[in-house]
């Protein structure tokens, strides 16, 4: 069940920090009964792995593609290999990676 968990804000703004998605629900007395949003997180996990550097995940310190280091590199084969390698560490099976200059990165991957 790696594809369900606590969701992060889904803001498209790059200026906002990555933060928990909170939707406060109160009972009749005004007490908070729910807050964190649980749902589909596979795309979120992929995005976090892409932007993370190795050492940033406490329980898996070798995980992290560090896409910012690769972004100015023209070695697309090395970039594809690194994405596949790190996604596999989290149990993601990569079916296809579309990566070429001037086009958006598209990754087709799913958990085992």
PDB file of N, CA and C in Angstrom:
ATOM      1  N   UNK A   1       0.814  -1.190   0.000  1.00  0.00           N
ATOM      2  CA  UNK A   1       0.000   0.000   0.000  1.00  0.00           C
ATOM      3  C   UNK A   1       0.861   1.258   0.000  1.00  0.00           C
ATOM      4  N   UNK A   2       1.947   1.234  -0.730  1.00  0.00           N
ATOM      5  CA  UNK A   2       2.804   2.412  -0.805  1.00  0.00           C
ATOM      6  C   UNK A   2       2.171   3.541  -1.601  1.00  0.00           C
ATOM      7  N   UNK A   3       1.082   3.258  -2.287  1.00  0.00           N
ATOM      8  CA  UNK A   3       0.467   4.297  -3.109  1.00  0.00           C
ATOM      9  C   UNK A   3      -0.597   5.095  -2.355  1.00  0.00           C
ATOM     10  N   UNK A   4      -0.812   4.812  -1.054  1.00  0.00           N
ATOM     11  CA  UNK A   4      -1.741   5.594  -0.228  1.00  0.00           C
ATOM     12  C   UNK A   4      -1.004   6.097   0.999  1.00  0.00           C
ATOM     13  N   UNK A   5      -1.288   7.344   1.357  1.00  0.00           N
ATOM     14  CA  UNK A   5      -0.643   7.913   2.529  1.00  0.00           C
ATOM     15  C   UNK A   5      -1.063   9.348   2.733  1.00  0.00           C
ATOM     16  N   UNK A   6      -0.307  10.058   3.551  1.00  0.00           N
ATOM     17  CA  UNK A   6      -0.590  11.459   3.844  1.00  0.00           C
ATOM     18  C   UNK A   6      -0.193  12.298   2.640  1.00  0.00           C
ATOM     19  N   UNK A   7      -1.123  13.092   2.153  1.00  0.00           N
ATOM     20  CA  UNK A   7      -0.868  13.910   0.970  1.00  0.00           C
ATOM     21  C   UNK A   7      -0.213  15.233   1.340  1.00  0.00           C
ATOM     22  N   UNK A   8       0.542  15.755   0.388  1.00  0.00           N
ATOM     23  CA  UNK A   8       1.134  17.078   0.515  1.00  0.00           C
ATOM     24  C   UNK A   8       0.305  18.066  -0.289  1.00  0.00           C
ATOM     25  N   UNK A   9       0.486  19.361  -0.021  1.00  0.00           N
ATOM     26  CA  UNK A   9      -0.218  20.385  -0.794  1.00  0.00           C
ATOM     27  C   UNK A   9       0.014  20.157  -2.275  1.00  0.00           C
ATOM     28  N   UNK A  10      -1.022  20.334  -3.059  1.00  0.00           N
ATOM     29  CA  UNK A  10      -0.915  20.121  -4.504  1.00  0.00           C
ATOM     30  C   UNK A  10      -0.845  21.438  -5.254  1.00  0.00           C
ATOM     31  N   UNK A  11      -0.238  22.436  -4.649  1.00  0.00           N
ATOM     32  CA  UNK A  11      -0.099  23.742  -5.281  1.00  0.00           C
ATOM     33  C   UNK A  11       0.870  23.658  -6.447  1.00  0.00           C
ATOM     34  N   UNK A  12       0.542  24.322  -7.529  1.00  0.00           N
ATOM     35  CA  UNK A  12       1.417  24.341  -8.703  1.00  0.00           C
ATOM     36  C   UNK A  12       2.491  25.412  -8.573  1.00  0.00           C
ATOM     37  N   UNK A  13       2.412  26.221  -7.532  1.00  0.00           N
ATOM     38  CA  UNK A  13       3.374  27.303  -7.344  1.00  0.00           C
ATOM     39  C   UNK A  13       4.691  26.767  -6.814  1.00  0.00           C
ATOM     40  N   UNK A  14       5.763  27.047  -7.516  1.00  0.00           N
ATOM     41  CA  UNK A  14       7.082  26.602  -7.079  1.00  0.00           C
ATOM     42  C   UNK A  14       7.574  27.423  -5.894  1.00  0.00           C
ATOM     43  N   UNK A  15       6.918  28.540  -5.623  1.00  0.00           N
ATOM     44  CA  UNK A  15       7.347  29.404  -4.531  1.00  0.00           C
ATOM     45  C   UNK A  15       6.851  28.926  -3.171  1.00  0.00           C
ATOM     46  N   UNK A  16       5.835  28.067  -3.153  1.00  0.00           N
ATOM     47  CA  UNK A  16       5.312  27.563  -1.893  1.00  0.00           C
ATOM     48  C   UNK A  16       6.135  26.371  -1.426  1.00  0.00           C
ATOM     49  N   UNK A  17       6.306  26.283  -0.116  1.00  0.00           N
ATOM     50  CA  UNK A  17       7.027  25.154   0.454  1.00  0.00           C
ATOM     51  C   UNK A  17       6.180  23.895   0.358  1.00  0.00           C
ATOM     52  N   UNK A  18       6.846  22.774   0.320  1.00  0.00           N
ATOM     53  CA  UNK A  18       6.144  21.499   0.352  1.00  0.00           C
ATOM     54  C   UNK A  18       5.672  21.308   1.786  1.00  0.00           C
ATOM     55  N   UNK A  19       4.370  21.166   1.966  1.00  0.00           N
ATOM     56  CA  UNK A  19       3.810  21.055   3.304  1.00  0.00           C
ATOM     57  C   UNK A  19       2.650  20.068   3.285  1.00  0.00           C
ATOM     58  N   UNK A  20       2.239  19.620   4.464  1.00  0.00           N
ATOM     59  CA  UNK A  20       1.140  18.680   4.571  1.00  0.00           C
ATOM     60  C   UNK A  20      -0.163  19.312   4.098  1.00  0.00           C
ATOM     61  N   UNK A  21      -0.983  18.492   3.470  1.00  0.00           N
ATOM     62  CA  UNK A  21      -2.312  18.939   3.040  1.00  0.00           C
ATOM     63  C   UNK A  21      -3.258  18.729   4.224  1.00  0.00           C
ATOM     64  N   UNK A  22      -3.837  19.820   4.699  1.00  0.00           N
ATOM     65  CA  UNK A  22      -4.688  19.757   5.886  1.00  0.00           C
ATOM     66  C   UNK A  22      -6.084  20.253   5.536  1.00  0.00           C
ATOM     67  N   UNK A  23      -7.068  19.465   5.910  1.00  0.00           N
ATOM     68  CA  UNK A  23      -8.475  19.812   5.727  1.00  0.00           C
ATOM     69  C   UNK A  23      -9.166  19.548   7.066  1.00  0.00           C
ATOM     70  N   UNK A  24      -9.280  20.587   7.878  1.00  0.00           N
ATOM     71  CA  UNK A  24      -9.802  20.444   9.238  1.00  0.00           C
ATOM     72  C   UNK A  24     -11.301  20.161   9.207  1.00  0.00           C
ATOM     73  N   UNK A  25     -11.695  19.093   9.910  1.00  0.00           N
ATOM     74  CA  UNK A  25     -13.102  18.728  10.063  1.00  0.00           C
ATOM     75  C   UNK A  25     -13.403  18.715  11.560  1.00  0.00           C
ATOM     76  N   UNK A  26     -14.449  19.430  11.938  1.00  0.00           N
ATOM     77  CA  UNK A  26     -14.816  19.549  13.352  1.00  0.00           C
ATOM     78  C   UNK A  26     -16.141  18.834  13.620  1.00  0.00           C
ATOM     79  N   UNK A  27     -16.295  18.379  14.859  1.00  0.00           N
ATOM     80  CA  UNK A  27     -17.565  17.768  15.251  1.00  0.00           C
ATOM     81  C   UNK A  27     -18.539  18.856  15.715  1.00  0.00           C
ATOM     82  N   UNK A  28     -19.684  18.458  16.235  1.00  0.00           N
ATOM     83  CA  UNK A  28     -20.724  19.406  16.651  1.00  0.00           C
ATOM     84  C   UNK A  28     -20.261  20.329  17.778  1.00  0.00           C
ATOM     85  N   UNK A  29     -19.295  19.862  18.570  1.00  0.00           N
ATOM     86  CA  UNK A  29     -18.782  20.672  19.682  1.00  0.00           C
ATOM     87  C   UNK A  29     -17.631  21.575  19.257  1.00  0.00           C
ATOM     88  N   UNK A  30     -17.249  21.511  18.006  1.00  0.00           N
ATOM     89  CA  UNK A  30     -16.154  22.339  17.516  1.00  0.00           C
ATOM     90  C   UNK A  30     -14.779  21.730  17.689  1.00  0.00           C
ATOM     91  N   UNK A  31     -14.725  20.489  18.152  1.00  0.00           N
ATOM     92  CA  UNK A  31     -13.443  19.810  18.318  1.00  0.00           C
ATOM     93  C   UNK A  31     -12.978  19.232  16.984  1.00  0.00           C
ATOM     94  N   UNK A  32     -11.693  19.293  16.752  1.00  0.00           N
ATOM     95  CA  UNK A  32     -11.133  18.760  15.507  1.00  0.00           C
ATOM     96  C   UNK A  32     -11.168  17.239  15.556  1.00  0.00           C
ATOM     97  N   UNK A  33     -11.792  16.623  14.547  1.00  0.00           N
ATOM     98  CA  UNK A  33     -11.863  15.164  14.470  1.00  0.00           C
ATOM     99  C   UNK A  33     -10.958  14.606  13.383  1.00  0.00           C
ATOM    100  N   UNK A  34     -10.687  15.414  12.374  1.00  0.00           N
ATOM    101  CA  UNK A  34      -9.799  15.007  11.285  1.00  0.00           C
ATOM    102  C   UNK A  34      -9.036  16.223  10.815  1.00  0.00           C
ATOM    103  N   UNK A  35      -7.891  15.965  10.176  1.00  0.00           N
ATOM    104  CA  UNK A  35      -7.121  17.090   9.671  1.00  0.00           C
ATOM    105  C   UNK A  35      -6.239  16.731   8.496  1.00  0.00           C
ATOM    106  N   UNK A  36      -5.418  15.707   8.654  1.00  0.00           N
ATOM    107  CA  UNK A  36      -4.524  15.310   7.571  1.00  0.00           C
ATOM    108  C   UNK A  36      -5.306  14.607   6.476  1.00  0.00           C
ATOM    109  N   UNK A  37      -4.980  14.906   5.238  1.00  0.00           N
ATOM    110  CA  UNK A  37      -5.676  14.305   4.098  1.00  0.00           C
ATOM    111  C   UNK A  37      -4.915  13.056   3.661  1.00  0.00           C
ATOM    112  N   UNK A  38      -5.634  11.938   3.599  1.00  0.00           N
ATOM    113  CA  UNK A  38      -5.070  10.654   3.177  1.00  0.00           C
ATOM    114  C   UNK A  38      -5.576  10.368   1.771  1.00  0.00           C
ATOM    115  N   UNK A  39      -4.690   9.869   0.909  1.00  0.00           N
ATOM    116  CA  UNK A  39      -5.121   9.548  -0.449  1.00  0.00           C
ATOM    117  C   UNK A  39      -3.987   9.005  -1.290  1.00  0.00           C
ATOM    118  N   UNK A  40      -4.154   9.063  -2.588  1.00  0.00           N
ATOM    119  CA  UNK A  40      -3.197   8.571  -3.580  1.00  0.00           C
ATOM    120  C   UNK A  40      -1.930   9.425  -3.541  1.00  0.00           C
ATOM    121  N   UNK A  41      -0.769   8.774  -3.373  1.00  0.00           N
ATOM    122  CA  UNK A  41       0.484   9.534  -3.261  1.00  0.00           C
ATOM    123  C   UNK A  41       1.593   9.036  -4.193  1.00  0.00           C
ATOM    124  N   UNK A  42       1.269   8.188  -5.160  1.00  0.00           N
ATOM    125  CA  UNK A  42       2.323   7.657  -6.022  1.00  0.00           C
ATOM    126  C   UNK A  42       3.045   8.770  -6.787  1.00  0.00           C
ATOM    127  N   UNK A  43       2.304   9.684  -7.398  1.00  0.00           N
ATOM    128  CA  UNK A  43       2.945  10.787  -8.124  1.00  0.00           C
ATOM    129  C   UNK A  43       3.721  11.688  -7.176  1.00  0.00           C
ATOM    130  N   UNK A  44       3.181  11.885  -5.990  1.00  0.00           N
ATOM    131  CA  UNK A  44       3.861  12.680  -4.972  1.00  0.00           C
ATOM    132  C   UNK A  44       5.185  12.020  -4.586  1.00  0.00           C
ATOM    133  N   UNK A  45       5.173  10.703  -4.373  1.00  0.00           N
ATOM    134  CA  UNK A  45       6.403   9.986  -4.028  1.00  0.00           C
ATOM    135  C   UNK A  45       7.439  10.112  -5.141  1.00  0.00           C
ATOM    136  N   UNK A  46       6.992   9.995  -6.387  1.00  0.00           N
ATOM    137  CA  UNK A  46       7.913  10.124  -7.515  1.00  0.00           C
ATOM    138  C   UNK A  46       8.543  11.509  -7.538  1.00  0.00           C
ATOM    139  N   UNK A  47       7.732  12.539  -7.339  1.00  0.00           N
ATOM    140  CA  UNK A  47       8.251  13.913  -7.350  1.00  0.00           C
ATOM    141  C   UNK A  47       9.247  14.129  -6.220  1.00  0.00           C
ATOM    142  N   UNK A  48       8.934  13.613  -5.036  1.00  0.00           N
ATOM    143  CA  UNK A  48       9.845  13.776  -3.901  1.00  0.00           C
ATOM    144  C   UNK A  48      11.173  13.067  -4.144  1.00  0.00           C
ATOM    145  N   UNK A  49      11.115  11.869  -4.738  1.00  0.00           N
ATOM    146  CA  UNK A  49      12.360  11.151  -5.040  1.00  0.00           C
ATOM    147  C   UNK A  49      13.186  11.891  -6.078  1.00  0.00           C
ATOM    148  N   UNK A  50      12.527  12.517  -7.048  1.00  0.00           N
ATOM    149  CA  UNK A  50      13.251  13.259  -8.082  1.00  0.00           C
ATOM    150  C   UNK A  50      13.980  14.466  -7.506  1.00  0.00           C
ATOM    151  N   UNK A  51      13.348  15.204  -6.601  1.00  0.00           N
ATOM    152  CA  UNK A  51      13.972  16.434  -6.097  1.00  0.00           C
ATOM    153  C   UNK A  51      14.886  16.204  -4.902  1.00  0.00           C
ATOM    154  N   UNK A  52      14.753  15.063  -4.227  1.00  0.00           N
ATOM    155  CA  UNK A  52      15.567  14.799  -3.036  1.00  0.00           C
ATOM    156  C   UNK A  52      17.000  14.427  -3.412  1.00  0.00           C
ATOM    157  N   UNK A  53      17.909  14.815  -2.546  1.00  0.00           N
ATOM    158  CA  UNK A  53      19.305  14.406  -2.659  1.00  0.00           C
ATOM    159  C   UNK A  53      19.521  13.195  -1.762  1.00  0.00           C
ATOM    160  N   UNK A  54      20.469  12.324  -2.096  1.00  0.00           N
ATOM    161  CA  UNK A  54      20.763  11.213  -1.193  1.00  0.00           C
ATOM    162  C   UNK A  54      21.076  11.743   0.205  1.00  0.00           C
ATOM    163  N   UNK A  55      20.508  11.081   1.209  1.00  0.00           N
ATOM    164  CA  UNK A  55      20.708  11.489   2.586  1.00  0.00           C
ATOM    165  C   UNK A  55      19.557  12.284   3.163  1.00  0.00           C
ATOM    166  N   UNK A  56      18.600  12.693   2.348  1.00  0.00           N
ATOM    167  CA  UNK A  56      17.482  13.495   2.840  1.00  0.00           C
ATOM    168  C   UNK A  56      16.322  12.655   3.370  1.00  0.00           C
ATOM    169  N   UNK A  57      16.280  11.364   3.039  1.00  0.00           N
ATOM    170  CA  UNK A  57      15.262  10.477   3.592  1.00  0.00           C
ATOM    171  C   UNK A  57      15.894   9.705   4.742  1.00  0.00           C
ATOM    172  N   UNK A  58      15.391   9.934   5.941  1.00  0.00           N
ATOM    173  CA  UNK A  58      15.991   9.370   7.150  1.00  0.00           C
ATOM    174  C   UNK A  58      16.061   7.843   7.118  1.00  0.00           C
ATOM    175  N   UNK A  59      15.003   7.188   6.689  1.00  0.00           N
ATOM    176  CA  UNK A  59      14.952   5.733   6.744  1.00  0.00           C
ATOM    177  C   UNK A  59      15.506   5.053   5.496  1.00  0.00           C
ATOM    178  N   UNK A  60      15.894   5.825   4.505  1.00  0.00           N
ATOM    179  CA  UNK A  60      16.533   5.285   3.303  1.00  0.00           C
ATOM    180  C   UNK A  60      17.532   6.322   2.801  1.00  0.00           C
ATOM    181  N   UNK A  61      18.687   6.435   3.455  1.00  0.00           N
ATOM    182  CA  UNK A  61      19.621   7.527   3.164  1.00  0.00           C
ATOM    183  C   UNK A  61      20.270   7.490   1.785  1.00  0.00           C
ATOM    184  N   UNK A  62      20.167   6.395   1.062  1.00  0.00           N
ATOM    185  CA  UNK A  62      20.760   6.351  -0.280  1.00  0.00           C
ATOM    186  C   UNK A  62      19.764   6.747  -1.360  1.00  0.00           C
ATOM    187  N   UNK A  63      18.502   6.973  -0.979  1.00  0.00           N
ATOM    188  CA  UNK A  63      17.445   7.299  -1.938  1.00  0.00           C
ATOM    189  C   UNK A  63      17.441   8.787  -2.256  1.00  0.00           C
ATOM    190  N   UNK A  64      17.332   9.117  -3.523  1.00  0.00           N
ATOM    191  CA  UNK A  64      17.246  10.507  -3.965  1.00  0.00           C
ATOM    192  C   UNK A  64      17.941  10.696  -5.296  1.00  0.00           C
ATOM    193  N   UNK A  65      17.185  11.073  -6.325  1.00  0.00           N
ATOM    194  CA  UNK A  65      17.728  11.235  -7.674  1.00  0.00           C
ATOM    195  C   UNK A  65      18.579  12.493  -7.796  1.00  0.00           C
ATOM    196  N   UNK A  66      18.235  13.543  -7.052  1.00  0.00           N
ATOM    197  CA  UNK A  66      18.928  14.843  -7.134  1.00  0.00           C
ATOM    198  C   UNK A  66      18.859  15.385  -8.560  1.00  0.00           C
ATOM    199  N   UNK A  67      17.640  15.545  -9.045  1.00  0.00           N
ATOM    200  CA  UNK A  67      17.417  15.981 -10.426  1.00  0.00           C
ATOM    201  C   UNK A  67      18.050  17.335 -10.704  1.00  0.00           C
ATOM    202  N   UNK A  68      18.187  18.175  -9.673  1.00  0.00           N
ATOM    203  CA  UNK A  68      18.792  19.494  -9.888  1.00  0.00           C
ATOM    204  C   UNK A  68      20.253  19.387 -10.311  1.00  0.00           C
ATOM    205  N   UNK A  69      20.935  18.320  -9.902  1.00  0.00           N
ATOM    206  CA  UNK A  69      22.315  18.107 -10.335  1.00  0.00           C
ATOM    207  C   UNK A  69      22.386  17.630 -11.785  1.00  0.00           C
ATOM    208  N   UNK A  70      21.333  16.961 -12.228  1.00  0.00           N
ATOM    209  CA  UNK A  70      21.327  16.377 -13.568  1.00  0.00           C
ATOM    210  C   UNK A  70      20.729  17.298 -14.622  1.00  0.00           C
ATOM    211  N   UNK A  71      20.008  18.311 -14.180  1.00  0.00           N
ATOM    212  CA  UNK A  71      19.200  19.108 -15.105  1.00  0.00           C
ATOM    213  C   UNK A  71      20.029  19.819 -16.180  1.00  0.00           C
ATOM    214  N   UNK A  72      21.236  20.228 -15.860  1.00  0.00           N
ATOM    215  CA  UNK A  72      22.076  20.918 -16.838  1.00  0.00           C
ATOM    216  C   UNK A  72      22.971  19.957 -17.621  1.00  0.00           C
ATOM    217  N   UNK A  73      22.877  18.683 -17.285  1.00  0.00           N
ATOM    218  CA  UNK A  73      23.673  17.657 -17.952  1.00  0.00           C
ATOM    219  C   UNK A  73      22.947  17.204 -19.219  1.00  0.00           C
ATOM    220  N   UNK A  74      23.681  16.965 -20.285  1.00  0.00           N
ATOM    221  CA  UNK A  74      23.075  16.491 -21.533  1.00  0.00           C
ATOM    222  C   UNK A  74      23.135  14.976 -21.686  1.00  0.00           C
ATOM    223  N   UNK A  75      23.602  14.279 -20.651  1.00  0.00           N
ATOM    224  CA  UNK A  75      23.699  12.827 -20.701  1.00  0.00           C
ATOM    225  C   UNK A  75      22.358  12.221 -20.261  1.00  0.00           C
ATOM    226  N   UNK A  76      21.410  12.148 -21.204  1.00  0.00           N
ATOM    227  CA  UNK A  76      20.063  11.690 -20.891  1.00  0.00           C
ATOM    228  C   UNK A  76      20.034  10.209 -20.522  1.00  0.00           C
ATOM    229  N   UNK A  77      20.941   9.420 -21.056  1.00  0.00           N
ATOM    230  CA  UNK A  77      21.000   8.007 -20.710  1.00  0.00           C
ATOM    231  C   UNK A  77      21.354   7.840 -19.233  1.00  0.00           C
ATOM    232  N   UNK A  78      22.327   8.603 -18.759  1.00  0.00           N
ATOM    233  CA  UNK A  78      22.725   8.548 -17.349  1.00  0.00           C
ATOM    234  C   UNK A  78      21.571   9.003 -16.455  1.00  0.00           C
ATOM    235  N   UNK A  79      20.853  10.031 -16.898  1.00  0.00           N
ATOM    236  CA  UNK A  79      19.723  10.539 -16.130  1.00  0.00           C
ATOM    237  C   UNK A  79      18.614   9.485 -16.032  1.00  0.00           C
ATOM    238  N   UNK A  80      18.304   8.831 -17.150  1.00  0.00           N
ATOM    239  CA  UNK A  80      17.284   7.773 -17.148  1.00  0.00           C
ATOM    240  C   UNK A  80      17.693   6.635 -16.217  1.00  0.00           C
ATOM    241  N   UNK A  81      18.972   6.248 -16.291  1.00  0.00           N
ATOM    242  CA  UNK A  81      19.468   5.162 -15.445  1.00  0.00           C
ATOM    243  C   UNK A  81      19.341   5.526 -13.967  1.00  0.00           C
ATOM    244  N   UNK A  82      19.695   6.749 -13.626  1.00  0.00           N
ATOM    245  CA  UNK A  82      19.639   7.186 -12.228  1.00  0.00           C
ATOM    246  C   UNK A  82      18.193   7.202 -11.717  1.00  0.00           C
ATOM    247  N   UNK A  83      17.261   7.648 -12.545  1.00  0.00           N
ATOM    248  CA  UNK A  83      15.849   7.650 -12.156  1.00  0.00           C
ATOM    249  C   UNK A  83      15.367   6.222 -11.930  1.00  0.00           C
ATOM    250  N   UNK A  84      15.661   5.323 -12.867  1.00  0.00           N
ATOM    251  CA  UNK A  84      15.254   3.919 -12.720  1.00  0.00           C
ATOM    252  C   UNK A  84      15.852   3.296 -11.460  1.00  0.00           C
ATOM    253  N   UNK A  85      17.127   3.550 -11.228  1.00  0.00           N
ATOM    254  CA  UNK A  85      17.831   2.980 -10.076  1.00  0.00           C
ATOM    255  C   UNK A  85      17.191   3.421  -8.755  1.00  0.00           C
ATOM    256  N   UNK A  86      16.927   4.703  -8.618  1.00  0.00           N
ATOM    257  CA  UNK A  86      16.390   5.206  -7.353  1.00  0.00           C
ATOM    258  C   UNK A  86      14.911   4.877  -7.177  1.00  0.00           C
ATOM    259  N   UNK A  87      14.156   4.847  -8.250  1.00  0.00           N
ATOM    260  CA  UNK A  87      12.756   4.441  -8.146  1.00  0.00           C
ATOM    261  C   UNK A  87      12.669   2.973  -7.731  1.00  0.00           C
ATOM    262  N   UNK A  88      13.569   2.135  -8.238  1.00  0.00           N
ATOM    263  CA  UNK A  88      13.585   0.717  -7.873  1.00  0.00           C
ATOM    264  C   UNK A  88      13.878   0.535  -6.382  1.00  0.00           C
ATOM    265  N   UNK A  89      14.689   1.401  -5.812  1.00  0.00           N
ATOM    266  CA  UNK A  89      14.983   1.323  -4.374  1.00  0.00           C
ATOM    267  C   UNK A  89      13.720   1.490  -3.540  1.00  0.00           C
ATOM    268  N   UNK A  90      12.732   2.203  -4.060  1.00  0.00           N
ATOM    269  CA  UNK A  90      11.470   2.420  -3.355  1.00  0.00           C
ATOM    270  C   UNK A  90      10.401   1.417  -3.785  1.00  0.00           C
ATOM    271  N   UNK A  91      10.740   0.504  -4.685  1.00  0.00           N
ATOM    272  CA  UNK A  91       9.783  -0.500  -5.132  1.00  0.00           C
ATOM    273  C   UNK A  91       8.978  -0.102  -6.350  1.00  0.00           C
ATOM    274  N   UNK A  92       9.330   1.004  -6.987  1.00  0.00           N
ATOM    275  CA  UNK A  92       8.636   1.435  -8.201  1.00  0.00           C
ATOM    276  C   UNK A  92       9.231   0.744  -9.422  1.00  0.00           C
ATOM    277  N   UNK A  93       8.376   0.218 -10.254  1.00  0.00           N
ATOM    278  CA  UNK A  93       8.812  -0.387 -11.510  1.00  0.00           C
ATOM    279  C   UNK A  93       8.577   0.637 -12.611  1.00  0.00           C
ATOM    280  N   UNK A  94       9.643   1.044 -13.266  1.00  0.00           N
ATOM    281  CA  UNK A  94       9.553   2.054 -14.320  1.00  0.00           C
ATOM    282  C   UNK A  94       9.309   1.350 -15.647  1.00  0.00           C
ATOM    283  N   UNK A  95       8.195   1.679 -16.283  1.00  0.00           N
ATOM    284  CA  UNK A  95       7.871   1.097 -17.581  1.00  0.00           C
ATOM    285  C   UNK A  95       8.455   1.924 -18.713  1.00  0.00           C
ATOM    286  N   UNK A  96       8.435   3.260 -18.542  1.00  0.00           N
ATOM    287  CA  UNK A  96       8.910   4.130 -19.611  1.00  0.00           C
ATOM    288  C   UNK A  96       9.318   5.482 -19.041  1.00  0.00           C
ATOM    289  N   UNK A  97      10.392   6.040 -19.599  1.00  0.00           N
ATOM    290  CA  UNK A  97      10.819   7.394 -19.262  1.00  0.00           C
ATOM    291  C   UNK A  97      10.992   8.155 -20.564  1.00  0.00           C
ATOM    292  N   UNK A  98      10.244   9.241 -20.711  1.00  0.00           N
ATOM    293  CA  UNK A  98      10.404  10.116 -21.873  1.00  0.00           C
ATOM    294  C   UNK A  98      11.184  11.335 -21.416  1.00  0.00           C
ATOM    295  N   UNK A  99      12.392  11.445 -21.921  1.00  0.00           N
ATOM    296  CA  UNK A  99      13.280  12.520 -21.499  1.00  0.00           C
ATOM    297  C   UNK A  99      14.068  13.000 -22.702  1.00  0.00           C
ATOM    298  N   UNK A 100      13.810  14.221 -23.107  1.00  0.00           N
ATOM    299  CA  UNK A 100      14.561  14.811 -24.207  1.00  0.00           C
ATOM    300  C   UNK A 100      14.558  16.323 -24.046  1.00  0.00           C
ATOM    301  N   UNK A 101      15.492  16.960 -24.708  1.00  0.00           N
ATOM    302  CA  UNK A 101      15.678  18.401 -24.570  1.00  0.00           C
ATOM    303  C   UNK A 101      14.445  19.176 -25.036  1.00  0.00           C
ATOM    304  N   UNK A 102      14.021  20.129 -24.219  1.00  0.00           N
ATOM    305  CA  UNK A 102      12.910  20.997 -24.578  1.00  0.00           C
ATOM    306  C   UNK A 102      11.535  20.397 -24.370  1.00  0.00           C
ATOM    307  N   UNK A 103      11.465  19.205 -23.785  1.00  0.00           N
ATOM    308  CA  UNK A 103      10.179  18.550 -23.543  1.00  0.00           C
ATOM    309  C   UNK A 103      10.068  18.194 -22.063  1.00  0.00           C
ATOM    310  N   UNK A 104       8.839  18.100 -21.555  1.00  0.00           N
ATOM    311  CA  UNK A 104       8.677  17.749 -20.133  1.00  0.00           C
ATOM    312  C   UNK A 104       9.069  16.297 -19.869  1.00  0.00           C
ATOM    313  N   UNK A 105       9.558  16.052 -18.676  1.00  0.00           N
ATOM    314  CA  UNK A 105       9.907  14.708 -18.233  1.00  0.00           C
ATOM    315  C   UNK A 105       8.617  13.946 -17.951  1.00  0.00           C
ATOM    316  N   UNK A 106       8.461  12.783 -18.586  1.00  0.00           N
ATOM    317  CA  UNK A 106       7.285  11.941 -18.369  1.00  0.00           C
ATOM    318  C   UNK A 106       7.774  10.571 -17.920  1.00  0.00           C
ATOM    319  N   UNK A 107       7.289  10.138 -16.759  1.00  0.00           N
ATOM    320  CA  UNK A 107       7.692   8.850 -16.203  1.00  0.00           C
ATOM    321  C   UNK A 107       6.447   8.000 -16.005  1.00  0.00           C
ATOM    322  N   UNK A 108       6.465   6.789 -16.562  1.00  0.00           N
ATOM    323  CA  UNK A 108       5.386   5.824 -16.365  1.00  0.00           C
ATOM    324  C   UNK A 108       5.925   4.760 -15.424  1.00  0.00           C
ATOM    325  N   UNK A 109       5.495   4.820 -14.163  1.00  0.00           N
ATOM    326  CA  UNK A 109       5.988   3.879 -13.156  1.00  0.00           C
ATOM    327  C   UNK A 109       4.860   3.526 -12.199  1.00  0.00           C
ATOM    328  N   UNK A 110       4.968   2.350 -11.592  1.00  0.00           N
ATOM    329  CA  UNK A 110       3.980   1.939 -10.595  1.00  0.00           C
ATOM    330  C   UNK A 110       4.653   1.020  -9.584  1.00  0.00           C
ATOM    331  N   UNK A 111       4.015   0.877  -8.426  1.00  0.00           N
ATOM    332  CA  UNK A 111       4.549  -0.017  -7.405  1.00  0.00           C
ATOM    333  C   UNK A 111       4.276  -1.457  -7.781  1.00  0.00           C
ATOM    334  N   UNK A 112       5.135  -2.342  -7.329  1.00  0.00           N
ATOM    335  CA  UNK A 112       5.062  -3.777  -7.637  1.00  0.00           C
ATOM    336  C   UNK A 112       3.700  -4.348  -7.335  1.00  0.00           C
TER     337      UNK A 112
END
